Amino acid sequence: MNMQAMMKQAQQMQKEMMKIKAEIDETEFLTENEVIKLKMLGNKEIVSYEIKLYDLEKADKEMIEDMTVVAFKETLAKIENEKEAKLGPYTKGMAGLI
């Protein structure tokens, strides 16, 4: 394979990776638990955040804070898993770089 063909193949792979990344960035990821409902885009932009009021009366401040942290971590993990699943073949496990 000559150098020009290799460069063309690399450019095609890069183009495909950027397309997949753009799709992931626009995908909504939802995490919901007893107190919190969190929706984020794949680019880690928060779309919506809700504290369920009917549970608020029963919950204390510390539990709500803990549930919020859990919801954020779960949603971020979903985003990273999606990136790894779709970009893994291109990055060989280095999806965190994208």
Protein backbone atom coordinates (compact mmCIF):
# COMPACT_ATOMS: atom_id res chain seq x y z
CA MET A 1 0.00 0.00 0.00
CA ASN A 2 1.47 3.33 -0.98
CA MET A 3 1.65 6.39 1.25
CA GLN A 4 -1.14 8.24 -0.57
CA ALA A 5 -3.55 5.33 -0.11
CA MET A 6 -2.64 5.10 3.59
CA MET A 7 -3.28 8.82 4.06
CA LYS A 8 -6.63 8.53 2.29
CA GLN A 9 -7.59 5.59 4.53
CA ALA A 10 -6.53 7.53 7.66
CA GLN A 11 -8.57 10.54 6.56
CA GLN A 12 -11.60 8.31 5.96
CA MET A 13 -11.24 6.79 9.45
CA GLN A 14 -10.93 10.24 10.99
CA LYS A 15 -14.03 11.41 9.14
CA GLU A 16 -16.00 8.36 10.35
CA MET A 17 -14.80 8.89 13.95
CA MET A 18 -15.86 12.53 13.90
CA LYS A 19 -19.28 11.53 12.53
CA ILE A 20 -19.74 8.97 15.33
CA LYS A 21 -18.57 11.49 17.94
CA ALA A 22 -21.05 14.07 16.63
CA GLU A 23 -23.85 11.49 16.88
CA ILE A 24 -22.89 10.66 20.47
CA ASP A 25 -22.61 14.36 21.35
CA GLU A 26 -26.22 14.87 20.20
CA THR A 27 -27.59 11.76 21.93
CA GLU A 28 -29.54 12.26 25.17
CA PHE A 29 -28.58 10.12 28.16
CA LEU A 30 -31.07 9.78 31.01
CA THR A 31 -30.47 8.69 34.59
CA GLU A 32 -33.33 8.53 37.04
CA ASN A 33 -33.52 7.39 40.63
CA GLU A 34 -35.99 7.83 43.47
CA VAL A 35 -35.28 11.55 43.92
CA ILE A 36 -33.38 12.83 40.87
CA LYS A 37 -34.00 12.80 37.11
CA LEU A 38 -31.01 13.95 35.03
CA LYS A 39 -30.74 14.23 31.26
CA MET A 40 -27.43 15.10 29.55
CA LEU A 41 -26.19 15.19 26.00
CA GLY A 42 -23.20 13.10 24.96
CA ASN A 43 -21.08 16.25 24.98
CA LYS A 44 -21.85 16.38 28.74
CA GLU A 45 -24.17 19.38 28.47
CA ILE A 46 -27.03 19.19 30.96
CA VAL A 47 -30.40 19.16 29.20
CA SER A 48 -32.58 18.89 32.29
CA TYR A 49 -32.33 18.25 36.00
CA GLU A 50 -35.33 17.52 38.17
CA ILE A 51 -35.82 16.89 41.86
CA LYS A 52 -39.03 14.93 42.28
CA LEU A 53 -41.06 17.04 44.69
CA TYR A 54 -43.27 14.24 45.94
CA ASP A 55 -40.16 12.58 47.36
CA LEU A 56 -38.62 15.82 48.56
CA GLU A 57 -40.77 15.92 51.66
CA LYS A 58 -39.45 12.53 52.74
CA ALA A 59 -35.84 13.10 51.79
CA ASP A 60 -33.25 14.97 53.72
CA LYS A 61 -30.70 17.36 52.25
CA GLU A 62 -27.76 14.95 52.47
CA MET A 63 -29.63 12.17 50.67
CA ILE A 64 -30.61 14.53 47.84
CA GLU A 65 -27.01 15.65 47.47
CA ASP A 66 -25.83 12.02 47.41
CA MET A 67 -28.47 11.02 44.87
CA THR A 68 -27.49 13.97 42.67
CA VAL A 69 -23.84 12.90 42.66
CA VAL A 70 -24.86 9.33 41.83
CA ALA A 71 -27.08 10.51 38.95
CA PHE A 72 -24.27 12.61 37.47
CA LYS A 73 -21.76 9.76 37.75
CA GLU A 74 -24.16 7.26 36.19
CA THR A 75 -24.98 9.57 33.30
CA LEU A 76 -21.32 10.36 32.62
CA ALA A 77 -20.54 6.63 32.71
CA LYS A 78 -23.30 6.01 30.14
CA ILE A 79 -21.75 8.64 27.86
CA GLU A 80 -18.25 7.16 28.22
CA ASN A 81 -19.56 3.61 27.61
CA GLU A 82 -21.29 4.78 24.43
CA LYS A 83 -18.10 6.44 23.21
CA GLU A 84 -16.04 3.34 23.98
CA ALA A 85 -18.56 1.07 22.27
CA LYS A 86 -18.75 3.15 19.11
CA LEU A 87 -15.24 4.58 18.90
CA GLY A 88 -13.30 1.68 20.46
CA PRO A 89 -12.56 0.01 17.13
CA TYR A 90 -10.92 3.23 15.95
CA THR A 91 -9.14 4.31 19.10
CA LYS A 92 -8.22 0.89 20.52
CA GLY A 93 -9.44 1.87 24.02
CA MET A 94 -8.37 5.52 23.91
CA ALA A 95 -11.91 6.99 23.52
CA GLY A 96 -11.20 9.29 26.48
CA LEU A 97 -9.00 11.32 24.16
CA ILE A 98 -11.97 12.23 21.98
